[in-house]
Amino acid sequence: MEPIIRATNLVKRYGKVTALDHCDFELMPGEILAVIGDNGAGKSTLIKAISGAVTPDEGEVQLEGQTVHFRSPIDAREAGIETVYQTLAMSPALSIADNMFMGRELRKPGWRGKVLKQLDRRRMEEFARQKLNDLGLMTIQNINQAVETLSGGQRQGVAVARAAAFGSKVIILDEPTAALGVKESRRVLELILDVKSRGIPIILISHNMPHVFEVADRIHVHRLGKRLCVIDPKQHSMSDAVAFMTGAKEPPVAA
């Protein structure tokens, strides 16, 4: 089985600081791959290089076996890679439907859409409601309510639903449960597993080891700007993972 995303020898420098040091990365079809590492290990830079937010100085990224050169996150999004950042990148004052379609609004058919640039709000609202229902977000009653009126878990749910709706190939989740309570975190983890069941591979960046070990199929351990190892959560403990990423324990030798 070929990786859906393969990154080889990625290098990214910021002056004298090397954020990525000949880093390799593989995401397999249909899996949840967790990316863990200490603060400053280079996890965010790796994800930004994959999602088009930064351009690596060296190395290449392949999507479905084809080399890609993303100049911006829009390029990655058009290629089918959606990213849910920790800040959610949502506009609190706008409605759920408006946030779902931000930057890709649907226009009315015919001259009203082409000439007058009128938005097809009914179609956007129906689509947004369908996507929320697909992921079981039934507690959101009004698709036109402002995002600022939602709970933290509901906002995260909307962000995941938006990614699942438009991320046709890969979804990247950056600390999706960081600011949530126990109940809301549980709902987000269920959403992640639901998205996986639809066949969409997920990259999960998280510091929450119990969550990582609960949902991840494989764990990419990142240390000092490069991939240290990839471990199976069924064969290693949380203590092992922490020891690997902090340097307290030697990583397993790849087969």
Protein backbone atom coordinates (compact mmCIF):
# COMPACT_ATOMS: atom_id res chain seq x y z
CA MET A 1 0.00 0.00 0.00
CA GLU A 2 1.39 3.37 -1.05
CA PRO A 3 1.20 6.40 1.29
CA ILE A 4 -1.37 9.01 0.38
CA ILE A 5 1.13 11.65 1.59
CA ARG A 6 4.87 11.14 1.55
CA ALA A 7 7.37 13.83 2.58
CA THR A 8 11.06 13.24 2.02
CA ASN A 9 14.07 15.14 3.39
CA LEU A 10 12.11 18.24 4.33
CA VAL A 11 14.31 21.12 5.50
CA LYS A 12 13.03 24.46 6.80
CA ARG A 13 15.28 27.08 8.34
CA TYR A 14 14.40 30.36 10.02
CA GLY A 15 17.71 32.17 10.07
CA LYS A 16 20.03 30.07 12.23
CA VAL A 17 17.17 27.97 13.60
CA THR A 18 16.51 24.70 11.77
CA ALA A 19 12.85 23.81 12.31
CA LEU A 20 12.91 20.78 10.00
CA ASP A 21 16.12 18.82 9.61
CA HIS A 22 15.80 16.36 6.70
CA CYS A 23 12.45 15.16 7.98
CA ASP A 24 10.51 12.22 6.50
CA PHE A 25 6.80 11.58 6.86
CA GLU A 26 4.22 9.08 5.56
CA LEU A 27 0.44 8.99 5.94
CA MET A 28 -1.26 5.77 4.82
CA PRO A 29 -4.78 5.64 3.32
CA GLY A 30 -7.62 5.40 5.82
CA GLU A 31 -5.52 5.70 8.97
CA ILE A 32 -5.33 8.09 11.90
CA LEU A 33 -1.68 9.07 12.28
CA ALA A 34 -0.87 10.93 15.49
CA VAL A 35 2.09 13.31 15.52
CA ILE A 36 3.62 13.86 18.96
CA GLY A 37 6.70 15.68 20.16
CA ASP A 38 7.97 18.12 22.75
CA ASN A 39 7.43 21.86 22.36
CA GLY A 40 9.79 23.21 19.69
CA ALA A 41 10.31 19.78 18.10
CA GLY A 42 9.07 21.03 14.72
CA LYS A 43 5.61 19.45 14.60
CA SER A 44 3.83 22.63 13.55
CA THR A 45 6.39 23.40 10.85
CA LEU A 46 6.02 19.88 9.47
CA ILE A 47 2.25 20.23 9.27
CA LYS A 48 2.52 23.69 7.74
CA ALA A 49 4.85 22.31 5.07
CA ILE A 50 2.31 19.61 4.24
CA SER A 51 -0.67 21.98 4.28
CA GLY A 52 0.95 24.73 2.22
CA ALA A 53 1.34 27.29 5.00
CA VAL A 54 5.14 27.29 4.63
CA THR A 55 7.40 26.36 1.73
CA PRO A 56 10.23 23.98 2.66
CA ASP A 57 13.78 25.01 1.71
CA GLU A 58 14.61 21.46 0.63
CA GLY A 59 12.87 18.14 0.10
CA GLU A 60 9.59 17.25 -1.54
CA VAL A 61 6.00 16.42 -0.70
CA GLN A 62 4.03 13.85 -2.68
CA LEU A 63 0.24 13.50 -2.70
CA GLU A 64 -0.99 10.18 -4.09
CA GLY A 65 2.40 9.57 -5.67
CA GLN A 66 2.56 12.95 -7.42
CA THR A 67 5.01 15.65 -6.34
CA VAL A 68 3.17 18.80 -5.25
CA HIS A 69 4.39 22.35 -4.64
CA PHE A 70 1.84 24.16 -2.51
CA ARG A 71 2.34 27.92 -2.52
CA SER A 72 -0.44 28.54 -0.01
CA PRO A 73 -3.03 26.69 2.10
CA ILE A 74 -5.53 27.43 -0.68
CA ASP A 75 -3.47 25.26 -3.05
CA ALA A 76 -3.51 22.43 -0.52
CA ARG A 77 -7.23 22.88 0.05
CA GLU A 78 -7.94 22.69 -3.66
CA ALA A 79 -5.90 19.46 -3.76
CA GLY A 80 -8.15 17.95 -1.06
CA ILE A 81 -6.17 18.67 2.13
CA GLU A 82 -8.16 20.41 4.87
CA THR A 83 -6.62 21.68 8.11
CA VAL A 84 -8.41 22.45 11.38
CA TYR A 85 -6.09 24.69 13.38
CA GLN A 86 -6.11 24.96 17.16
CA THR A 87 -7.61 28.46 16.84
CA LEU A 88 -10.31 26.95 14.55
CA ALA A 89 -9.94 29.86 12.07
CA MET A 90 -13.61 30.77 12.36
CA SER A 91 -15.43 34.10 12.41
CA PRO A 92 -17.45 34.21 15.66
CA ALA A 93 -19.94 36.84 14.45
CA LEU A 94 -20.91 34.91 11.31
CA SER A 95 -23.39 32.04 11.17
CA ILE A 96 -22.53 28.36 11.06
CA ALA A 97 -23.42 28.16 7.37
CA ASP A 98 -21.32 31.24 6.56
CA ASN A 99 -18.34 29.75 8.39
CA MET A 100 -18.73 26.42 6.60
CA PHE A 101 -18.51 28.17 3.22
CA MET A 102 -16.09 30.97 4.07
CA GLY A 103 -13.91 31.55 1.01
CA ARG A 104 -15.92 29.16 -1.18
CA GLU A 105 -19.43 30.61 -1.12
CA LEU A 106 -22.04 29.24 -3.52
CA ARG A 107 -23.67 31.70 -5.90
CA LYS A 108 -27.15 31.55 -7.31
CA PRO A 109 -27.50 30.01 -10.76
CA GLY A 110 -27.84 32.17 -13.85
CA TRP A 111 -27.33 35.88 -14.19
CA ARG A 112 -28.12 36.63 -10.54
CA GLY A 113 -25.03 34.73 -9.49
CA LYS A 114 -22.77 35.70 -12.37
CA VAL A 115 -23.72 39.35 -12.73
CA LEU A 116 -25.18 40.37 -9.35
CA LYS A 117 -22.94 37.98 -7.38
CA GLN A 118 -25.88 36.91 -5.23
CA LEU A 119 -25.19 34.06 -2.80
CA ASP A 120 -27.31 30.92 -2.81
CA ARG A 121 -27.95 30.92 0.93
CA ARG A 122 -30.61 28.22 0.84
CA ARG A 123 -28.26 25.74 -0.85
CA MET A 124 -25.41 26.59 1.57
CA GLU A 125 -27.69 26.20 4.59
CA GLU A 126 -29.03 22.85 3.37
CA PHE A 127 -25.51 21.58 2.69
CA ALA A 128 -24.24 22.75 6.10
CA ARG A 129 -27.19 21.13 7.90
CA GLN A 130 -26.64 17.86 6.03
CA LYS A 131 -22.94 17.74 6.93
CA LEU A 132 -23.65 18.45 10.60
CA ASN A 133 -26.32 15.73 10.63
CA ASP A 134 -23.94 13.28 8.95
CA LEU A 135 -21.55 13.66 11.88
CA GLY A 136 -24.30 13.46 14.47
CA LEU A 137 -24.17 17.13 15.53
CA MET A 138 -27.89 17.20 16.24
CA THR A 139 -27.60 19.57 19.22
CA ILE A 140 -27.11 22.49 16.84
CA GLN A 141 -30.69 23.49 16.09
CA ASN A 142 -30.29 26.67 14.05
CA ILE A 143 -27.83 26.64 11.17
CA ASN A 144 -28.00 30.45 11.07
CA GLN A 145 -26.97 31.07 14.66
CA ALA A 146 -23.69 32.86 15.21
CA VAL A 147 -20.69 30.68 15.99
CA GLU A 148 -19.99 32.79 19.10
CA THR A 149 -23.20 31.39 20.66
CA LEU A 150 -21.91 27.80 20.45
CA SER A 151 -20.08 25.87 23.14
CA GLY A 152 -16.41 24.98 22.66
CA GLY A 153 -17.26 21.43 21.66
CA GLN A 154 -19.90 22.57 19.17
CA ARG A 155 -17.44 25.01 17.57
CA GLN A 156 -14.87 22.25 17.24
CA GLY A 157 -17.58 20.05 15.77
CA VAL A 158 -18.43 22.67 13.14
CA ALA A 159 -14.74 23.02 12.25
CA VAL A 160 -14.36 19.24 11.89
CA ALA A 161 -17.59 19.04 9.86
CA ARG A 162 -16.28 21.78 7.54
CA ALA A 163 -13.03 19.87 7.06
CA ALA A 164 -14.86 16.59 6.47
CA ALA A 165 -17.18 18.26 3.96
CA PHE A 166 -14.41 19.63 1.78
CA GLY A 167 -11.33 17.55 2.68
CA SER A 168 -11.66 14.89 0.04
CA LYS A 169 -8.23 13.30 0.61
CA VAL A 170 -6.68 14.28 3.97
CA ILE A 171 -7.76 16.07 7.14
CA ILE A 172 -5.21 17.61 9.52
CA LEU A 173 -6.34 18.30 13.10
CA ASP A 174 -4.13 20.50 15.28
CA GLU A 175 -4.81 19.94 19.01
CA PRO A 176 -8.57 19.43 18.51
CA THR A 177 -9.31 18.79 22.21
CA ALA A 178 -6.84 21.22 23.81
CA ALA A 179 -9.37 23.70 25.23
CA LEU A 180 -12.32 21.35 25.77
CA GLY A 181 -13.83 19.69 28.79
CA VAL A 182 -14.16 15.93 29.27
CA LYS A 183 -17.60 15.57 27.67
CA GLU A 184 -16.80 17.82 24.71
CA SER A 185 -13.46 16.09 24.15
CA ARG A 186 -15.27 12.76 24.04
CA ARG A 187 -17.62 14.06 21.34
CA VAL A 188 -14.70 15.34 19.24
CA LEU A 189 -12.93 11.97 19.50
CA GLU A 190 -16.13 10.30 18.31
CA LEU A 191 -16.23 12.75 15.39
CA ILE A 192 -12.64 11.86 14.49
CA LEU A 193 -13.47 8.14 14.44
CA ASP A 194 -16.61 8.88 12.41
CA VAL A 195 -14.57 10.77 9.80
CA LYS A 196 -12.09 7.87 9.67
CA SER A 197 -14.94 5.42 9.08
CA ARG A 198 -15.73 7.38 5.93
CA GLY A 199 -12.31 6.48 4.58
CA ILE A 200 -10.63 9.87 5.02
CA PRO A 201 -7.12 9.63 6.56
CA ILE A 202 -6.40 11.98 9.45
CA ILE A 203 -3.22 13.57 10.80
CA LEU A 204 -3.76 14.29 14.51
CA ILE A 205 -1.36 16.61 16.34
CA SER A 206 -1.88 16.33 20.07
CA HIS A 207 -0.19 16.49 23.47
CA ASN A 208 -2.98 14.47 25.07
CA MET A 209 -1.53 10.97 25.27
CA PRO A 210 -4.72 9.16 26.37
CA HIS A 211 -6.54 10.62 23.37
CA VAL A 212 -3.67 9.73 21.04
CA PHE A 213 -3.52 6.14 22.23
CA GLU A 214 -7.30 5.79 22.04
CA VAL A 215 -7.79 6.76 18.39
CA ALA A 216 -4.43 6.56 16.57
CA ASP A 217 -3.46 3.65 14.33
CA ARG A 218 0.20 4.74 14.30
CA ILE A 219 2.17 7.41 16.18
CA HIS A 220 4.84 9.57 14.52
CA VAL A 221 7.32 10.69 17.19
CA HIS A 222 8.97 14.00 16.25
CA ARG A 223 12.17 15.16 17.92
CA LEU A 224 14.72 17.88 17.07
CA GLY A 225 13.19 18.67 13.70
CA LYS A 226 12.94 15.16 12.32
CA ARG A 227 11.06 11.90 12.61
CA LEU A 228 12.54 9.90 15.46
CA CYS A 229 10.40 6.82 14.94
CA VAL A 230 6.89 5.57 14.19
CA ILE A 231 5.34 3.32 16.82
CA ASP A 232 2.28 1.11 17.14
CA PRO A 233 0.14 2.21 20.12
CA LYS A 234 -0.82 -1.44 20.67
CA GLN A 235 2.82 -2.43 21.18
CA HIS A 236 4.08 0.55 23.22
CA SER A 237 2.81 2.35 26.30
CA MET A 238 2.21 6.04 26.88
CA SER A 239 5.31 6.08 29.06
CA ASP A 240 7.33 4.67 26.16
CA ALA A 241 6.05 7.39 23.83
CA VAL A 242 6.92 10.18 26.27
CA ALA A 243 10.36 8.66 26.88
CA PHE A 244 11.04 8.48 23.13
CA MET A 245 10.05 12.08 22.43
CA THR A 246 11.98 13.48 25.40
CA GLY A 247 15.12 11.45 24.70
CA ALA A 248 14.92 9.44 27.92
CA LYS A 249 14.73 6.18 25.99
CA GLU A 250 16.22 4.93 22.76
CA PRO A 251 13.67 4.62 19.96
CA PRO A 252 12.89 1.19 18.51
CA VAL A 253 14.82 0.20 15.42
CA ALA A 254 12.69 0.27 12.29
CA ALA A 255 12.08 -3.10 10.74
